N, C-alpha and C. Protein backbone atom coordinates (compact mmCIF):
# COMPACT_ATOMS: atom_id res chain seq x y z
N MET A 1 7.74 -5.81 -189.25
CA MET A 1 7.16 -4.49 -189.33
C MET A 1 6.00 -4.34 -188.34
N ARG A 2 5.16 -5.37 -188.25
CA ARG A 2 4.03 -5.32 -187.31
C ARG A 2 4.52 -5.23 -185.87
N ALA A 3 5.59 -5.96 -185.53
CA ALA A 3 6.15 -5.91 -184.18
C ALA A 3 6.66 -4.51 -183.87
N ALA A 4 7.26 -3.85 -184.83
CA ALA A 4 7.76 -2.48 -184.63
C ALA A 4 6.60 -1.53 -184.38
N ALA A 5 5.50 -1.70 -185.11
CA ALA A 5 4.33 -0.84 -184.93
C ALA A 5 3.71 -1.06 -183.55
N ILE A 6 3.66 -2.31 -183.11
CA ILE A 6 3.13 -2.61 -181.78
C ILE A 6 4.03 -2.01 -180.71
N SER A 7 5.34 -2.12 -180.88
CA SER A 7 6.28 -1.54 -179.92
C SER A 7 6.13 -0.04 -179.86
N LEU A 8 5.99 0.63 -181.02
CA LEU A 8 5.81 2.07 -181.04
C LEU A 8 4.51 2.46 -180.36
N ALA A 9 3.43 1.73 -180.61
CA ALA A 9 2.15 2.03 -179.97
C ALA A 9 2.25 1.88 -178.46
N ALA A 10 2.94 0.85 -177.98
CA ALA A 10 3.12 0.65 -176.53
C ALA A 10 3.93 1.79 -175.93
N PHE A 11 4.97 2.23 -176.65
CA PHE A 11 5.79 3.34 -176.16
C PHE A 11 4.96 4.61 -176.06
N LEU A 12 4.19 4.92 -177.11
CA LEU A 12 3.39 6.15 -177.11
C LEU A 12 2.33 6.12 -176.02
N ALA A 13 1.77 4.96 -175.73
CA ALA A 13 0.76 4.86 -174.67
C ALA A 13 1.38 5.12 -173.31
N ALA A 14 2.68 4.86 -173.16
CA ALA A 14 3.35 5.05 -171.88
C ALA A 14 3.82 6.48 -171.66
N VAL A 15 3.83 7.30 -172.70
CA VAL A 15 4.29 8.68 -172.58
C VAL A 15 3.11 9.55 -172.15
N PRO A 16 3.27 10.29 -171.04
CA PRO A 16 2.17 11.14 -170.62
C PRO A 16 1.88 12.22 -171.66
N ALA A 17 0.63 12.65 -171.72
CA ALA A 17 0.24 13.68 -172.66
C ALA A 17 0.85 15.01 -172.22
N ILE A 18 1.90 15.43 -172.89
CA ILE A 18 2.61 16.66 -172.56
C ILE A 18 2.83 17.41 -173.87
N ALA A 19 2.60 18.68 -173.89
CA ALA A 19 2.96 19.49 -175.05
C ALA A 19 2.36 20.87 -175.00
N GLY A 20 1.30 21.08 -174.27
CA GLY A 20 0.70 22.41 -174.18
C GLY A 20 1.38 23.22 -173.10
N ASP A 21 0.65 24.25 -172.62
CA ASP A 21 1.16 25.07 -171.53
C ASP A 21 1.13 24.29 -170.23
N GLN A 22 2.27 24.16 -169.58
CA GLN A 22 2.36 23.51 -168.28
C GLN A 22 1.58 24.34 -167.27
N PHE A 23 0.80 23.69 -166.43
CA PHE A 23 0.15 24.43 -165.35
C PHE A 23 1.23 24.90 -164.38
N ILE A 24 1.20 26.19 -164.05
CA ILE A 24 2.11 26.74 -163.03
C ILE A 24 1.30 27.58 -162.06
N ASP A 25 1.78 27.63 -160.82
CA ASP A 25 1.11 28.45 -159.82
C ASP A 25 1.55 29.91 -159.97
N LYS A 26 1.06 30.77 -159.09
CA LYS A 26 1.36 32.20 -159.21
C LYS A 26 2.84 32.50 -159.03
N ASP A 27 3.60 31.55 -158.46
CA ASP A 27 5.04 31.72 -158.27
C ASP A 27 5.85 31.08 -159.40
N GLY A 28 5.17 30.59 -160.44
CA GLY A 28 5.84 29.99 -161.59
C GLY A 28 6.30 28.56 -161.39
N ARG A 29 5.80 27.91 -160.34
CA ARG A 29 6.20 26.52 -160.05
C ARG A 29 5.19 25.53 -160.62
N ALA A 30 5.70 24.46 -161.17
CA ALA A 30 4.83 23.37 -161.60
C ALA A 30 4.33 22.62 -160.37
N ASN A 31 3.10 22.16 -160.44
CA ASN A 31 2.51 21.30 -159.40
C ASN A 31 2.59 21.90 -158.00
N PHE A 32 2.44 23.21 -157.91
CA PHE A 32 2.47 23.91 -156.63
C PHE A 32 3.73 23.63 -155.83
N GLY A 33 4.80 23.29 -156.52
CA GLY A 33 6.08 23.05 -155.84
C GLY A 33 6.23 21.65 -155.26
N TYR A 34 5.29 20.77 -155.54
CA TYR A 34 5.42 19.39 -155.04
C TYR A 34 6.35 18.60 -155.96
N ASP A 35 7.04 17.65 -155.39
CA ASP A 35 8.05 16.83 -156.06
C ASP A 35 7.37 15.74 -156.89
N VAL A 36 7.42 15.86 -158.22
CA VAL A 36 6.74 14.88 -159.08
C VAL A 36 7.42 13.52 -159.09
N VAL A 37 8.69 13.47 -158.75
CA VAL A 37 9.39 12.18 -158.69
C VAL A 37 8.94 11.40 -157.46
N ALA A 38 8.67 12.09 -156.37
CA ALA A 38 8.25 11.42 -155.13
C ALA A 38 6.96 10.62 -155.30
N TYR A 39 6.06 11.07 -156.17
CA TYR A 39 4.85 10.29 -156.42
C TYR A 39 5.22 8.89 -156.90
N HIS A 40 6.25 8.82 -157.71
CA HIS A 40 6.69 7.53 -158.26
C HIS A 40 7.55 6.75 -157.27
N THR A 41 8.50 7.42 -156.63
CA THR A 41 9.47 6.70 -155.79
C THR A 41 8.99 6.46 -154.36
N GLU A 42 8.18 7.35 -153.83
CA GLU A 42 7.72 7.25 -152.44
C GLU A 42 6.23 6.95 -152.33
N SER A 43 5.53 6.98 -153.45
CA SER A 43 4.06 6.89 -153.46
C SER A 43 3.45 7.91 -152.52
N ALA A 44 4.06 9.11 -152.51
CA ALA A 44 3.62 10.16 -151.60
C ALA A 44 3.74 11.52 -152.26
N ALA A 45 2.93 12.44 -151.77
CA ALA A 45 3.00 13.84 -152.20
C ALA A 45 3.94 14.56 -151.23
N LEU A 46 5.13 14.90 -151.72
CA LEU A 46 6.13 15.60 -150.90
C LEU A 46 6.39 16.98 -151.48
N GLU A 47 6.46 17.96 -150.62
CA GLU A 47 6.80 19.30 -151.09
C GLU A 47 8.26 19.34 -151.51
N GLY A 48 8.51 20.04 -152.60
CA GLY A 48 9.87 20.21 -153.08
C GLY A 48 10.55 21.38 -152.38
N SER A 49 11.81 21.56 -152.70
CA SER A 49 12.62 22.62 -152.11
C SER A 49 13.18 23.50 -153.22
N ALA A 50 13.27 24.78 -152.97
CA ALA A 50 13.88 25.70 -153.94
C ALA A 50 15.36 25.40 -154.13
N ASP A 51 15.93 24.56 -153.29
CA ASP A 51 17.34 24.17 -153.43
C ASP A 51 17.53 23.14 -154.54
N PHE A 52 16.47 22.46 -154.94
CA PHE A 52 16.56 21.40 -155.95
C PHE A 52 15.51 21.64 -157.03
N THR A 53 15.90 22.24 -158.13
CA THR A 53 14.94 22.58 -159.18
C THR A 53 15.42 22.12 -160.56
N ALA A 54 14.49 22.04 -161.48
CA ALA A 54 14.79 21.74 -162.88
C ALA A 54 13.73 22.43 -163.73
N GLU A 55 14.12 22.82 -164.93
CA GLU A 55 13.19 23.44 -165.88
C GLU A 55 12.74 22.38 -166.88
N PHE A 56 11.44 22.40 -167.16
CA PHE A 56 10.88 21.48 -168.16
C PHE A 56 9.54 22.03 -168.62
N ASN A 57 9.29 21.98 -169.91
CA ASN A 57 8.02 22.38 -170.49
C ASN A 57 7.63 23.80 -170.07
N GLY A 58 8.63 24.67 -169.96
CA GLY A 58 8.38 26.07 -169.64
C GLY A 58 8.06 26.34 -168.18
N ALA A 59 8.37 25.41 -167.29
CA ALA A 59 8.04 25.57 -165.87
C ALA A 59 9.20 25.13 -165.00
N THR A 60 9.20 25.61 -163.76
CA THR A 60 10.19 25.21 -162.77
C THR A 60 9.58 24.13 -161.89
N PHE A 61 10.24 22.98 -161.86
CA PHE A 61 9.83 21.87 -161.00
C PHE A 61 10.73 21.86 -159.77
N LEU A 62 10.15 21.65 -158.60
CA LEU A 62 10.90 21.56 -157.35
C LEU A 62 10.93 20.10 -156.88
N PHE A 63 12.02 19.76 -156.17
CA PHE A 63 12.20 18.38 -155.71
C PHE A 63 12.62 18.36 -154.26
N ALA A 64 12.32 17.26 -153.58
CA ALA A 64 12.65 17.10 -152.17
C ALA A 64 14.12 16.78 -151.96
N SER A 65 14.80 16.32 -153.01
CA SER A 65 16.21 15.95 -152.88
C SER A 65 16.94 16.12 -154.20
N ALA A 66 18.26 16.17 -154.12
CA ALA A 66 19.08 16.23 -155.34
C ALA A 66 18.91 14.96 -156.15
N GLU A 67 18.74 13.82 -155.48
CA GLU A 67 18.54 12.55 -156.18
C GLU A 67 17.28 12.60 -157.05
N HIS A 68 16.18 13.13 -156.49
CA HIS A 68 14.94 13.23 -157.25
C HIS A 68 15.11 14.19 -158.43
N ARG A 69 15.76 15.31 -158.18
CA ARG A 69 16.01 16.27 -159.27
C ARG A 69 16.79 15.60 -160.40
N ASP A 70 17.82 14.86 -160.04
CA ASP A 70 18.67 14.21 -161.04
C ASP A 70 17.90 13.14 -161.82
N LEU A 71 17.03 12.39 -161.14
CA LEU A 71 16.19 11.41 -161.84
C LEU A 71 15.29 12.11 -162.85
N PHE A 72 14.72 13.23 -162.45
CA PHE A 72 13.85 14.00 -163.33
C PHE A 72 14.62 14.54 -164.54
N ILE A 73 15.76 15.12 -164.29
CA ILE A 73 16.56 15.68 -165.39
C ILE A 73 16.94 14.60 -166.39
N ALA A 74 17.23 13.41 -165.92
CA ALA A 74 17.63 12.31 -166.80
C ALA A 74 16.48 11.85 -167.70
N ASP A 75 15.23 11.99 -167.24
CA ASP A 75 14.09 11.52 -168.03
C ASP A 75 12.81 12.24 -167.57
N PRO A 76 12.69 13.53 -167.89
CA PRO A 76 11.54 14.30 -167.38
C PRO A 76 10.18 13.76 -167.81
N GLU A 77 10.07 13.20 -169.00
CA GLU A 77 8.78 12.71 -169.44
C GLU A 77 8.33 11.47 -168.66
N ARG A 78 9.25 10.77 -168.05
CA ARG A 78 8.90 9.61 -167.22
C ARG A 78 8.18 10.07 -165.95
N TYR A 79 8.57 11.22 -165.42
CA TYR A 79 8.07 11.66 -164.12
C TYR A 79 7.05 12.80 -164.18
N ALA A 80 7.04 13.58 -165.24
CA ALA A 80 6.13 14.73 -165.33
C ALA A 80 4.68 14.24 -165.35
N PRO A 81 3.79 15.02 -164.76
CA PRO A 81 2.38 14.60 -164.76
C PRO A 81 1.77 14.68 -166.16
N ALA A 82 0.81 13.81 -166.40
CA ALA A 82 0.07 13.82 -167.66
C ALA A 82 -0.69 15.13 -167.78
N TYR A 83 -1.01 15.48 -169.01
CA TYR A 83 -1.84 16.64 -169.33
C TYR A 83 -1.26 17.94 -168.79
N ASP A 84 0.05 18.06 -168.84
CA ASP A 84 0.75 19.28 -168.41
C ASP A 84 0.38 19.68 -166.98
N GLY A 85 0.05 18.70 -166.15
CA GLY A 85 -0.25 18.97 -164.75
C GLY A 85 -1.67 19.44 -164.47
N HIS A 86 -2.56 19.34 -165.45
CA HIS A 86 -3.96 19.71 -165.23
C HIS A 86 -4.74 18.50 -164.70
N CYS A 87 -5.90 18.79 -164.12
CA CYS A 87 -6.75 17.74 -163.56
C CYS A 87 -7.15 16.75 -164.65
N ALA A 88 -6.78 15.49 -164.45
CA ALA A 88 -7.04 14.44 -165.43
C ALA A 88 -8.55 14.19 -165.59
N TYR A 89 -9.27 14.17 -164.48
CA TYR A 89 -10.70 13.89 -164.57
C TYR A 89 -11.45 15.04 -165.24
N ALA A 90 -11.06 16.27 -164.96
CA ALA A 90 -11.75 17.44 -165.53
C ALA A 90 -11.69 17.44 -167.05
N LEU A 91 -10.64 16.85 -167.61
CA LEU A 91 -10.54 16.80 -169.06
C LEU A 91 -11.72 16.06 -169.67
N THR A 92 -12.25 15.06 -168.96
CA THR A 92 -13.38 14.30 -169.49
C THR A 92 -14.62 15.20 -169.61
N LEU A 93 -14.61 16.32 -168.89
CA LEU A 93 -15.70 17.31 -168.93
C LEU A 93 -15.33 18.48 -169.83
N TYR A 94 -14.25 18.33 -170.57
CA TYR A 94 -13.72 19.38 -171.45
C TYR A 94 -13.37 20.64 -170.66
N LYS A 95 -12.68 20.44 -169.55
CA LYS A 95 -12.19 21.56 -168.74
C LYS A 95 -10.71 21.35 -168.45
N LYS A 96 -9.96 22.43 -168.39
CA LYS A 96 -8.58 22.42 -167.93
C LYS A 96 -8.62 23.07 -166.55
N LEU A 97 -8.44 22.26 -165.51
CA LEU A 97 -8.54 22.77 -164.15
C LEU A 97 -7.25 22.57 -163.38
N VAL A 98 -7.09 23.42 -162.38
CA VAL A 98 -6.01 23.34 -161.42
C VAL A 98 -6.14 22.04 -160.61
N VAL A 99 -5.10 21.64 -159.92
CA VAL A 99 -5.11 20.39 -159.17
C VAL A 99 -4.84 20.61 -157.69
N ASP A 100 -5.11 19.59 -156.91
CA ASP A 100 -4.65 19.48 -155.54
C ASP A 100 -3.48 18.50 -155.61
N PRO A 101 -2.25 18.95 -155.36
CA PRO A 101 -1.10 18.06 -155.54
C PRO A 101 -1.11 16.81 -154.67
N GLU A 102 -2.03 16.75 -153.72
CA GLU A 102 -2.12 15.55 -152.89
C GLU A 102 -3.18 14.57 -153.41
N ALA A 103 -3.84 14.93 -154.51
CA ALA A 103 -4.87 14.07 -155.12
C ALA A 103 -4.28 13.46 -156.39
N PHE A 104 -3.59 12.35 -156.25
CA PHE A 104 -2.83 11.77 -157.36
C PHE A 104 -2.97 10.26 -157.41
N VAL A 105 -2.58 9.72 -158.56
CA VAL A 105 -2.45 8.28 -158.72
C VAL A 105 -1.44 8.04 -159.84
N VAL A 106 -0.59 7.02 -159.66
CA VAL A 106 0.34 6.60 -160.70
C VAL A 106 -0.25 5.34 -161.32
N ILE A 107 -0.41 5.39 -162.65
CA ILE A 107 -1.10 4.32 -163.39
C ILE A 107 -0.12 3.56 -164.26
N ASP A 108 -0.26 2.24 -164.27
CA ASP A 108 0.49 1.38 -165.17
C ASP A 108 -0.18 1.52 -166.54
N PRO A 109 0.53 2.02 -167.56
CA PRO A 109 -0.12 2.25 -168.85
C PRO A 109 -0.55 0.96 -169.56
N ALA A 110 0.05 -0.16 -169.22
CA ALA A 110 -0.33 -1.42 -169.86
C ALA A 110 -1.68 -1.92 -169.34
N THR A 111 -1.92 -1.78 -168.04
CA THR A 111 -3.17 -2.29 -167.45
C THR A 111 -4.20 -1.19 -167.23
N ARG A 112 -3.76 0.07 -167.27
CA ARG A 112 -4.60 1.23 -166.97
C ARG A 112 -5.19 1.13 -165.56
N ARG A 113 -4.39 0.59 -164.65
CA ARG A 113 -4.76 0.46 -163.24
C ARG A 113 -3.62 1.05 -162.39
N PRO A 114 -3.90 1.41 -161.13
CA PRO A 114 -2.82 1.92 -160.28
C PRO A 114 -1.67 0.92 -160.17
N VAL A 115 -0.45 1.45 -160.10
CA VAL A 115 0.72 0.58 -159.99
C VAL A 115 0.66 -0.17 -158.67
N GLY A 116 1.27 -1.34 -158.63
CA GLY A 116 1.28 -2.17 -157.43
C GLY A 116 2.50 -1.92 -156.57
N GLU A 117 2.61 -2.68 -155.50
CA GLU A 117 3.71 -2.53 -154.55
C GLU A 117 5.06 -2.86 -155.18
N SER A 118 5.08 -3.68 -156.21
CA SER A 118 6.34 -4.07 -156.83
C SER A 118 6.82 -3.05 -157.87
N TYR A 119 6.10 -1.95 -158.03
CA TYR A 119 6.44 -0.92 -159.02
C TYR A 119 7.81 -0.31 -158.73
N ASP A 120 8.66 -0.32 -159.74
CA ASP A 120 9.98 0.32 -159.67
C ASP A 120 10.01 1.40 -160.74
N PRO A 121 9.95 2.68 -160.35
CA PRO A 121 9.82 3.75 -161.33
C PRO A 121 11.01 3.88 -162.28
N GLN A 122 12.14 3.31 -161.92
CA GLN A 122 13.30 3.42 -162.81
C GLN A 122 13.29 2.34 -163.89
N THR A 123 12.51 1.27 -163.69
CA THR A 123 12.46 0.21 -164.71
C THR A 123 11.05 -0.03 -165.23
N ASP A 124 10.03 0.26 -164.45
CA ASP A 124 8.65 0.04 -164.85
C ASP A 124 8.04 1.34 -165.37
N GLU A 125 7.05 1.22 -166.22
CA GLU A 125 6.35 2.39 -166.72
C GLU A 125 5.25 2.77 -165.73
N GLY A 126 5.08 4.05 -165.56
CA GLY A 126 4.01 4.57 -164.72
C GLY A 126 3.72 5.99 -165.14
N VAL A 127 2.45 6.35 -165.23
CA VAL A 127 2.06 7.68 -165.62
C VAL A 127 1.38 8.34 -164.43
N LEU A 128 1.82 9.56 -164.11
CA LEU A 128 1.28 10.32 -162.99
C LEU A 128 0.07 11.13 -163.44
N TYR A 129 -1.07 10.91 -162.77
CA TYR A 129 -2.28 11.68 -163.00
C TYR A 129 -2.60 12.41 -161.71
N ILE A 130 -2.85 13.71 -161.82
CA ILE A 130 -3.18 14.52 -160.66
C ILE A 130 -4.57 15.10 -160.90
N ASN A 131 -5.34 15.25 -159.82
CA ASN A 131 -6.72 15.68 -159.95
C ASN A 131 -7.05 16.88 -159.06
N TYR A 132 -8.22 17.43 -159.29
CA TYR A 132 -8.72 18.66 -158.66
C TYR A 132 -8.82 18.57 -157.14
N SER A 133 -9.23 17.41 -156.64
CA SER A 133 -9.45 17.23 -155.21
C SER A 133 -9.40 15.73 -154.90
N PRO A 134 -9.32 15.36 -153.61
CA PRO A 134 -9.36 13.94 -153.28
C PRO A 134 -10.63 13.24 -153.78
N GLY A 135 -11.78 13.91 -153.69
CA GLY A 135 -13.03 13.32 -154.17
C GLY A 135 -13.02 13.09 -155.67
N VAL A 136 -12.49 14.06 -156.41
CA VAL A 136 -12.39 13.91 -157.87
C VAL A 136 -11.36 12.83 -158.20
N ASN A 137 -10.30 12.74 -157.41
CA ASN A 137 -9.31 11.68 -157.63
C ASN A 137 -9.96 10.30 -157.47
N GLN A 138 -10.86 10.18 -156.50
CA GLN A 138 -11.56 8.91 -156.32
C GLN A 138 -12.47 8.62 -157.50
N GLN A 139 -13.14 9.64 -158.03
CA GLN A 139 -13.97 9.45 -159.22
C GLN A 139 -13.11 8.98 -160.40
N PHE A 140 -11.93 9.58 -160.53
CA PHE A 140 -10.99 9.18 -161.58
C PHE A 140 -10.63 7.70 -161.43
N ARG A 141 -10.27 7.30 -160.21
CA ARG A 141 -9.90 5.90 -159.94
C ARG A 141 -11.08 4.96 -160.22
N ASP A 142 -12.27 5.37 -159.80
CA ASP A 142 -13.45 4.53 -160.00
C ASP A 142 -13.79 4.36 -161.48
N GLY A 143 -13.42 5.33 -162.29
CA GLY A 143 -13.74 5.28 -163.71
C GLY A 143 -12.69 4.60 -164.58
N LEU A 144 -11.62 4.12 -163.95
CA LEU A 144 -10.56 3.46 -164.72
C LEU A 144 -11.07 2.16 -165.31
N PRO A 145 -10.60 1.80 -166.47
CA PRO A 145 -9.62 2.47 -167.32
C PRO A 145 -10.22 3.44 -168.32
N GLY A 146 -11.54 3.45 -168.48
CA GLY A 146 -12.18 4.26 -169.51
C GLY A 146 -11.98 5.75 -169.36
N VAL A 147 -11.87 6.23 -168.13
CA VAL A 147 -11.73 7.67 -167.92
C VAL A 147 -10.44 8.20 -168.57
N ILE A 148 -9.41 7.39 -168.64
CA ILE A 148 -8.17 7.82 -169.30
C ILE A 148 -8.42 7.98 -170.79
N ASP A 149 -9.17 7.06 -171.39
CA ASP A 149 -9.50 7.19 -172.81
C ASP A 149 -10.28 8.47 -173.07
N ASP A 150 -11.25 8.78 -172.20
CA ASP A 150 -12.05 9.99 -172.36
C ASP A 150 -11.19 11.25 -172.21
N ALA A 151 -10.29 11.25 -171.24
CA ALA A 151 -9.41 12.40 -171.03
C ALA A 151 -8.45 12.56 -172.21
N ASP A 152 -7.91 11.45 -172.70
CA ASP A 152 -7.02 11.51 -173.87
C ASP A 152 -7.75 12.08 -175.09
N THR A 153 -8.99 11.65 -175.28
CA THR A 153 -9.77 12.13 -176.42
C THR A 153 -9.97 13.65 -176.35
N ALA A 154 -10.37 14.15 -175.18
CA ALA A 154 -10.58 15.59 -175.01
C ALA A 154 -9.27 16.36 -175.18
N TRP A 155 -8.20 15.81 -174.63
CA TRP A 155 -6.88 16.46 -174.74
C TRP A 155 -6.47 16.58 -176.20
N ASP A 156 -6.58 15.48 -176.93
CA ASP A 156 -6.20 15.47 -178.34
C ASP A 156 -7.15 16.29 -179.19
N ASP A 157 -8.43 16.33 -178.82
CA ASP A 157 -9.45 17.04 -179.58
C ASP A 157 -9.15 18.53 -179.63
N CYS A 158 -8.89 19.14 -178.46
CA CYS A 158 -8.62 20.58 -178.47
C CYS A 158 -8.04 21.13 -177.17
N LEU A 159 -8.13 20.40 -176.08
CA LEU A 159 -7.71 20.98 -174.81
C LEU A 159 -6.21 21.22 -174.71
N GLU A 160 -5.43 20.40 -175.37
CA GLU A 160 -3.97 20.55 -175.32
C GLU A 160 -3.55 21.95 -175.76
N THR A 161 -4.24 22.51 -176.73
CA THR A 161 -3.84 23.79 -177.31
C THR A 161 -4.38 24.99 -176.53
N LEU A 162 -5.27 24.78 -175.59
CA LEU A 162 -5.81 25.89 -174.82
C LEU A 162 -4.80 26.38 -173.79
N PRO A 163 -4.92 27.63 -173.35
CA PRO A 163 -4.01 28.13 -172.31
C PRO A 163 -4.13 27.31 -171.03
N ALA A 164 -3.11 27.39 -170.21
CA ALA A 164 -3.10 26.67 -168.93
C ALA A 164 -4.20 27.20 -168.02
N ALA A 165 -4.60 26.36 -167.08
CA ALA A 165 -5.63 26.74 -166.11
C ALA A 165 -5.15 27.88 -165.23
N ARG A 166 -6.11 28.59 -164.66
CA ARG A 166 -5.80 29.63 -163.68
C ARG A 166 -5.25 28.96 -162.42
N PRO A 167 -4.33 29.62 -161.71
CA PRO A 167 -3.76 28.98 -160.53
C PRO A 167 -4.67 28.92 -159.30
N ARG A 168 -5.86 29.50 -159.37
CA ARG A 168 -6.77 29.46 -158.23
C ARG A 168 -8.00 28.64 -158.58
N LYS A 169 -8.54 27.98 -157.57
CA LYS A 169 -9.81 27.28 -157.75
C LYS A 169 -10.93 28.30 -157.58
N SER A 170 -12.05 28.07 -158.24
CA SER A 170 -13.19 28.97 -158.10
C SER A 170 -14.48 28.19 -158.29
N LEU A 171 -15.58 28.84 -157.94
CA LEU A 171 -16.89 28.20 -158.10
C LEU A 171 -17.21 27.92 -159.56
N ARG A 172 -16.59 28.67 -160.48
CA ARG A 172 -16.84 28.42 -161.91
C ARG A 172 -16.31 27.05 -162.34
N ASP A 173 -15.44 26.46 -161.54
CA ASP A 173 -14.89 25.16 -161.88
C ASP A 173 -15.92 24.04 -161.75
N ILE A 174 -16.91 24.26 -160.91
CA ILE A 174 -17.87 23.20 -160.60
C ILE A 174 -18.92 23.12 -161.71
N GLY A 175 -19.34 21.92 -162.01
CA GLY A 175 -20.41 21.72 -162.99
C GLY A 175 -19.92 21.02 -164.23
N ARG A 176 -20.84 20.44 -164.93
CA ARG A 176 -20.53 19.68 -166.13
C ARG A 176 -20.44 20.63 -167.32
N ARG A 177 -19.51 20.37 -168.17
CA ARG A 177 -19.36 21.17 -169.38
C ARG A 177 -19.37 20.22 -170.58
N LYS A 178 -19.97 20.68 -171.64
CA LYS A 178 -20.00 19.90 -172.87
C LYS A 178 -18.78 20.27 -173.71
N ARG A 179 -18.59 19.54 -174.78
CA ARG A 179 -17.52 19.81 -175.71
C ARG A 179 -17.67 21.23 -176.24
N PRO A 180 -16.64 22.06 -176.09
CA PRO A 180 -16.76 23.46 -176.53
C PRO A 180 -16.94 23.57 -178.04
N ASP A 181 -17.63 24.60 -178.47
CA ASP A 181 -17.88 24.83 -179.89
C ASP A 181 -16.60 25.09 -180.66
N PHE A 182 -15.57 25.62 -179.97
CA PHE A 182 -14.34 25.97 -180.67
C PHE A 182 -13.43 24.76 -180.94
N CYS A 183 -13.79 23.59 -180.42
CA CYS A 183 -13.02 22.39 -180.74
C CYS A 183 -13.28 22.01 -182.19
N SER A 184 -12.39 21.19 -182.72
CA SER A 184 -12.54 20.76 -184.12
C SER A 184 -13.88 20.06 -184.30
N PRO A 185 -14.43 20.12 -185.51
CA PRO A 185 -15.72 19.43 -185.73
C PRO A 185 -15.60 17.95 -185.37
N ALA A 186 -16.62 17.45 -184.70
CA ALA A 186 -16.61 16.03 -184.29
C ALA A 186 -16.63 15.14 -185.51
N SER A 187 -15.84 14.08 -185.45
CA SER A 187 -15.86 13.12 -186.56
C SER A 187 -17.05 12.19 -186.41
N SER A 188 -17.61 11.82 -187.54
CA SER A 188 -18.76 10.93 -187.48
C SER A 188 -18.41 9.55 -187.87
């Protein structure tokens, strides 16, 4: 029984936090039309094509190839970005922010560190985290592994249920925010 509980906990830790409103751009595309499978298979941010699409979590995902689309369709939760495509680092500040699709990192959920060169996305676990900008992505990387715990806490606390971020960046995005009053009462 204990082994089953440990296996379930390991599985849940490997599943990206998905369930709220998927971030979509003004054209209804997830991740500004970038191919979420390419982050895993190519370690690169590649623009997708309207010729290769799939629907997931209420959004249209674009892919650079039919192969990537088919990999996604077979297991969308393996490839979809954590936190419904919102900035992973911003969650630690209790914000749901838009991302720069080129500011990403794929993390091994067991070590909570970036995946290595031997990473095989079809057999190894990896969670895609996308951030607001390259500088914020570096802050996210520098804060590993604790920053993931902080983002998970904020997501579970109340951010998951909030509407998706606006598709444009603005000056209101900048600055530190405390835990909003409308979140559930803090446990002591």
